[in-house]
Amino acid sequence: MFLKFFALSLLSFLVVYIFRGLGILGFLPGGFILFLLLTTIVSGLAWGIQKTRRF
C-alpha cells in the first residue's frame, strides 16, 4: 500500500515540478510544490520503515 502511494506521490511531484519549470503550470503557488514534496518524503519514509519491519 505504501509503495503505491509513494510511487503516485513521486510521479505527481515530478510532473508538476517539470511542468512548472517549463512554464505550463506557472500559476501554481510554491506552497503546493512544497506540499507535494513533503507528501513524497513522508510516504517514502513510511514505505521504508514498513519494508524493514518483520512480521
PDB file of N, CA and C in Angstrom:
ATOM      1  N   MET A   1       0.818  -1.184   0.000  1.00  0.00           N
ATOM      2  CA  MET A   1       0.000   0.000   0.000  1.00  0.00           C
ATOM      3  C   MET A   1       0.873   1.264   0.000  1.00  0.00           C
ATOM      4  N   PHE A   2       1.901   1.280   0.839  1.00  0.00           N
ATOM      5  CA  PHE A   2       2.770   2.446   0.897  1.00  0.00           C
ATOM      6  C   PHE A   2       3.571   2.617  -0.391  1.00  0.00           C
ATOM      7  N   LEU A   3       3.903   1.521  -1.034  1.00  0.00           N
ATOM      8  CA  LEU A   3       4.673   1.616  -2.275  1.00  0.00           C
ATOM      9  C   LEU A   3       3.858   2.301  -3.368  1.00  0.00           C
ATOM     10  N   LYS A   4       2.591   1.953  -3.489  1.00  0.00           N
ATOM     11  CA  LYS A   4       1.739   2.587  -4.498  1.00  0.00           C
ATOM     12  C   LYS A   4       1.559   4.070  -4.211  1.00  0.00           C
ATOM     13  N   PHE A   5       1.351   4.408  -2.940  1.00  0.00           N
ATOM     14  CA  PHE A   5       1.174   5.816  -2.574  1.00  0.00           C
ATOM     15  C   PHE A   5       2.465   6.596  -2.794  1.00  0.00           C
ATOM     16  N   PHE A   6       3.609   5.986  -2.479  1.00  0.00           N
ATOM     17  CA  PHE A   6       4.889   6.642  -2.707  1.00  0.00           C
ATOM     18  C   PHE A   6       5.137   6.859  -4.194  1.00  0.00           C
ATOM     19  N   ALA A   7       4.875   5.850  -4.994  1.00  0.00           N
ATOM     20  CA  ALA A   7       5.085   5.971  -6.436  1.00  0.00           C
ATOM     21  C   ALA A   7       4.160   7.032  -7.042  1.00  0.00           C
ATOM     22  N   LEU A   8       2.915   7.060  -6.602  1.00  0.00           N
ATOM     23  CA  LEU A   8       1.977   8.046  -7.113  1.00  0.00           C
ATOM     24  C   LEU A   8       2.369   9.458  -6.697  1.00  0.00           C
ATOM     25  N   SER A   9       2.770   9.633  -5.444  1.00  0.00           N
ATOM     26  CA  SER A   9       3.159  10.969  -4.993  1.00  0.00           C
ATOM     27  C   SER A   9       4.457  11.421  -5.658  1.00  0.00           C
ATOM     28  N   LEU A  10       5.401  10.516  -5.861  1.00  0.00           N
ATOM     29  CA  LEU A  10       6.649  10.872  -6.534  1.00  0.00           C
ATOM     30  C   LEU A  10       6.395  11.255  -7.990  1.00  0.00           C
ATOM     31  N   LEU A  11       5.568  10.493  -8.656  1.00  0.00           N
ATOM     32  CA  LEU A  11       5.255  10.786 -10.052  1.00  0.00           C
ATOM     33  C   LEU A  11       4.526  12.120 -10.184  1.00  0.00           C
ATOM     34  N   SER A  12       3.566  12.363  -9.311  1.00  0.00           N
ATOM     35  CA  SER A  12       2.838  13.628  -9.392  1.00  0.00           C
ATOM     36  C   SER A  12       3.745  14.809  -9.069  1.00  0.00           C
ATOM     37  N   PHE A  13       4.648  14.652  -8.101  1.00  0.00           N
ATOM     38  CA  PHE A  13       5.577  15.730  -7.788  1.00  0.00           C
ATOM     39  C   PHE A  13       6.483  16.028  -8.973  1.00  0.00           C
ATOM     40  N   LEU A  14       7.021  14.998  -9.588  1.00  0.00           N
ATOM     41  CA  LEU A  14       7.922  15.216 -10.721  1.00  0.00           C
ATOM     42  C   LEU A  14       7.217  15.866 -11.903  1.00  0.00           C
ATOM     43  N   VAL A  15       5.999  15.429 -12.190  1.00  0.00           N
ATOM     44  CA  VAL A  15       5.253  16.004 -13.313  1.00  0.00           C
ATOM     45  C   VAL A  15       4.954  17.479 -13.055  1.00  0.00           C
ATOM     46  N   VAL A  16       4.477  17.792 -11.862  1.00  0.00           N
ATOM     47  CA  VAL A  16       4.157  19.184 -11.545  1.00  0.00           C
ATOM     48  C   VAL A  16       5.417  20.035 -11.519  1.00  0.00           C
ATOM     49  N   TYR A  17       6.499  19.517 -10.970  1.00  0.00           N
ATOM     50  CA  TYR A  17       7.753  20.265 -10.880  1.00  0.00           C
ATOM     51  C   TYR A  17       8.313  20.575 -12.272  1.00  0.00           C
ATOM     52  N   ILE A  18       8.285  19.575 -13.149  1.00  0.00           N
ATOM     53  CA  ILE A  18       8.803  19.767 -14.503  1.00  0.00           C
ATOM     54  C   ILE A  18       7.908  20.711 -15.299  1.00  0.00           C
ATOM     55  N   PHE A  19       6.588  20.521 -15.225  1.00  0.00           N
ATOM     56  CA  PHE A  19       5.683  21.395 -15.958  1.00  0.00           C
ATOM     57  C   PHE A  19       5.724  22.825 -15.438  1.00  0.00           C
ATOM     58  N   ARG A  20       5.927  23.005 -14.139  1.00  0.00           N
ATOM     59  CA  ARG A  20       6.040  24.362 -13.603  1.00  0.00           C
ATOM     60  C   ARG A  20       7.344  25.009 -14.073  1.00  0.00           C
ATOM     61  N   GLY A  21       8.398  24.220 -14.168  1.00  0.00           N
ATOM     62  CA  GLY A  21       9.659  24.747 -14.664  1.00  0.00           C
ATOM     63  C   GLY A  21       9.588  25.151 -16.124  1.00  0.00           C
ATOM     64  N   LEU A  22       8.786  24.443 -16.895  1.00  0.00           N
ATOM     65  CA  LEU A  22       8.608  24.782 -18.312  1.00  0.00           C
ATOM     66  C   LEU A  22       7.638  25.945 -18.509  1.00  0.00           C
ATOM     67  N   GLY A  23       6.937  26.319 -17.465  1.00  0.00           N
ATOM     68  CA  GLY A  23       6.009  27.433 -17.556  1.00  0.00           C
ATOM     69  C   GLY A  23       4.587  27.036 -17.857  1.00  0.00           C
ATOM     70  N   ILE A  24       4.317  25.758 -17.985  1.00  0.00           N
ATOM     71  CA  ILE A  24       2.961  25.303 -18.291  1.00  0.00           C
ATOM     72  C   ILE A  24       2.058  25.447 -17.067  1.00  0.00           C
ATOM     73  N   LEU A  25       2.566  25.084 -15.904  1.00  0.00           N
ATOM     74  CA  LEU A  25       1.807  25.205 -14.658  1.00  0.00           C
ATOM     75  C   LEU A  25       2.393  26.310 -13.791  1.00  0.00           C
ATOM     76  N   GLY A  26       2.684  27.431 -14.380  1.00  0.00           N
ATOM     77  CA  GLY A  26       3.303  28.535 -13.667  1.00  0.00           C
ATOM     78  C   GLY A  26       2.399  29.220 -12.661  1.00  0.00           C
ATOM     79  N   PHE A  27       1.098  28.968 -12.747  1.00  0.00           N
ATOM     80  CA  PHE A  27       0.156  29.615 -11.843  1.00  0.00           C
ATOM     81  C   PHE A  27       0.090  28.939 -10.474  1.00  0.00           C
ATOM     82  N   LEU A  28       0.706  27.746 -10.338  1.00  0.00           N
ATOM     83  CA  LEU A  28       0.663  27.051  -9.051  1.00  0.00           C
ATOM     84  C   LEU A  28       1.591  27.735  -8.050  1.00  0.00           C
ATOM     85  N   PRO A  29       1.130  27.905  -6.819  1.00  0.00           N
ATOM     86  CA  PRO A  29       1.988  28.540  -5.814  1.00  0.00           C
ATOM     87  C   PRO A  29       3.073  27.595  -5.327  1.00  0.00           C
ATOM     88  N   GLY A  30       4.107  28.167  -4.758  1.00  0.00           N
ATOM     89  CA  GLY A  30       5.220  27.364  -4.254  1.00  0.00           C
ATOM     90  C   GLY A  30       4.827  26.485  -3.094  1.00  0.00           C
ATOM     91  N   GLY A  31       3.815  26.892  -2.330  1.00  0.00           N
ATOM     92  CA  GLY A  31       3.344  26.073  -1.216  1.00  0.00           C
ATOM     93  C   GLY A  31       2.801  24.729  -1.674  1.00  0.00           C
ATOM     94  N   PHE A  32       2.193  24.710  -2.840  1.00  0.00           N
ATOM     95  CA  PHE A  32       1.684  23.452  -3.393  1.00  0.00           C
ATOM     96  C   PHE A  32       2.826  22.511  -3.754  1.00  0.00           C
ATOM     97  N   ILE A  33       3.899  23.056  -4.301  1.00  0.00           N
ATOM     98  CA  ILE A  33       5.080  22.261  -4.627  1.00  0.00           C
ATOM     99  C   ILE A  33       5.699  21.703  -3.348  1.00  0.00           C
ATOM    100  N   LEU A  34       5.783  22.535  -2.318  1.00  0.00           N
ATOM    101  CA  LEU A  34       6.332  22.068  -1.043  1.00  0.00           C
ATOM    102  C   LEU A  34       5.454  20.998  -0.408  1.00  0.00           C
ATOM    103  N   PHE A  35       4.137  21.139  -0.542  1.00  0.00           N
ATOM    104  CA  PHE A  35       3.224  20.124  -0.023  1.00  0.00           C
ATOM    105  C   PHE A  35       3.428  18.792  -0.733  1.00  0.00           C
ATOM    106  N   LEU A  36       3.570  18.821  -2.058  1.00  0.00           N
ATOM    107  CA  LEU A  36       3.817  17.585  -2.799  1.00  0.00           C
ATOM    108  C   LEU A  36       5.162  16.966  -2.422  1.00  0.00           C
ATOM    109  N   LEU A  37       6.162  17.799  -2.224  1.00  0.00           N
ATOM    110  CA  LEU A  37       7.479  17.299  -1.815  1.00  0.00           C
ATOM    111  C   LEU A  37       7.411  16.671  -0.428  1.00  0.00           C
ATOM    112  N   LEU A  38       6.728  17.323   0.496  1.00  0.00           N
ATOM    113  CA  LEU A  38       6.583  16.780   1.847  1.00  0.00           C
ATOM    114  C   LEU A  38       5.813  15.463   1.836  1.00  0.00           C
ATOM    115  N   THR A  39       4.767  15.393   1.028  1.00  0.00           N
ATOM    116  CA  THR A  39       3.998  14.148   0.906  1.00  0.00           C
ATOM    117  C   THR A  39       4.867  13.022   0.358  1.00  0.00           C
ATOM    118  N   THR A  40       5.702  13.323  -0.616  1.00  0.00           N
ATOM    119  CA  THR A  40       6.594  12.324  -1.194  1.00  0.00           C
ATOM    120  C   THR A  40       7.614  11.836  -0.172  1.00  0.00           C
ATOM    121  N   ILE A  41       8.194  12.747   0.585  1.00  0.00           N
ATOM    122  CA  ILE A  41       9.192  12.370   1.589  1.00  0.00           C
ATOM    123  C   ILE A  41       8.574  11.530   2.693  1.00  0.00           C
ATOM    124  N   VAL A  42       7.423  11.948   3.198  1.00  0.00           N
ATOM    125  CA  VAL A  42       6.770  11.212   4.286  1.00  0.00           C
ATOM    126  C   VAL A  42       6.334   9.824   3.828  1.00  0.00           C
ATOM    127  N   SER A  43       5.769   9.729   2.636  1.00  0.00           N
ATOM    128  CA  SER A  43       5.347   8.419   2.157  1.00  0.00           C
ATOM    129  C   SER A  43       6.545   7.524   1.858  1.00  0.00           C
ATOM    130  N   GLY A  44       7.650   8.095   1.403  1.00  0.00           N
ATOM    131  CA  GLY A  44       8.862   7.302   1.187  1.00  0.00           C
ATOM    132  C   GLY A  44       9.447   6.788   2.491  1.00  0.00           C
ATOM    133  N   LEU A  45       9.446   7.625   3.511  1.00  0.00           N
ATOM    134  CA  LEU A  45       9.918   7.174   4.826  1.00  0.00           C
ATOM    135  C   LEU A  45       9.009   6.103   5.403  1.00  0.00           C
ATOM    136  N   ALA A  46       7.698   6.282   5.263  1.00  0.00           N
ATOM    137  CA  ALA A  46       6.752   5.281   5.767  1.00  0.00           C
ATOM    138  C   ALA A  46       6.922   3.961   5.026  1.00  0.00           C
ATOM    139  N   TRP A  47       7.143   4.022   3.735  1.00  0.00           N
ATOM    140  CA  TRP A  47       7.359   2.793   2.958  1.00  0.00           C
ATOM    141  C   TRP A  47       8.661   2.117   3.374  1.00  0.00           C
ATOM    142  N   GLY A  48       9.712   2.904   3.587  1.00  0.00           N
ATOM    143  CA  GLY A  48      10.989   2.332   4.007  1.00  0.00           C
ATOM    144  C   GLY A  48      10.912   1.697   5.383  1.00  0.00           C
ATOM    145  N   ILE A  49      10.216   2.329   6.301  1.00  0.00           N
ATOM    146  CA  ILE A  49      10.057   1.760   7.642  1.00  0.00           C
ATOM    147  C   ILE A  49       9.216   0.504   7.581  1.00  0.00           C
ATOM    148  N   GLN A  50       8.124   0.536   6.818  1.00  0.00           N
ATOM    149  CA  GLN A  50       7.246  -0.631   6.707  1.00  0.00           C
ATOM    150  C   GLN A  50       7.968  -1.788   6.030  1.00  0.00           C
ATOM    151  N   LYS A  51       8.862  -1.494   5.105  1.00  0.00           N
ATOM    152  CA  LYS A  51       9.594  -2.543   4.378  1.00  0.00           C
ATOM    153  C   LYS A  51      10.577  -3.277   5.282  1.00  0.00           C
ATOM    154  N   THR A  52      11.148  -2.575   6.264  1.00  0.00           N
ATOM    155  CA  THR A  52      12.144  -3.203   7.125  1.00  0.00           C
ATOM    156  C   THR A  52      11.553  -3.889   8.347  1.00  0.00           C
ATOM    157  N   ARG A  53      10.262  -3.740   8.581  1.00  0.00           N
ATOM    158  CA  ARG A  53       9.633  -4.384   9.731  1.00  0.00           C
ATOM    159  C   ARG A  53       9.501  -5.882   9.494  1.00  0.00           C
ATOM    160  N   ARG A  54       9.664  -6.630  10.548  1.00  0.00           N
ATOM    161  CA  ARG A  54       9.475  -8.071  10.471  1.00  0.00           C
ATOM    162  C   ARG A  54       8.162  -8.416  11.147  1.00  0.00           C
ATOM    163  N   PHE A  55       7.315  -9.138  10.447  1.00  0.00           N
ATOM    164  CA  PHE A  55       6.011  -9.502  10.998  1.00  0.00           C
ATOM    165  C   PHE A  55       6.002 -10.938  11.423  1.00  0.00           C
TER     166      PHE A  55
END
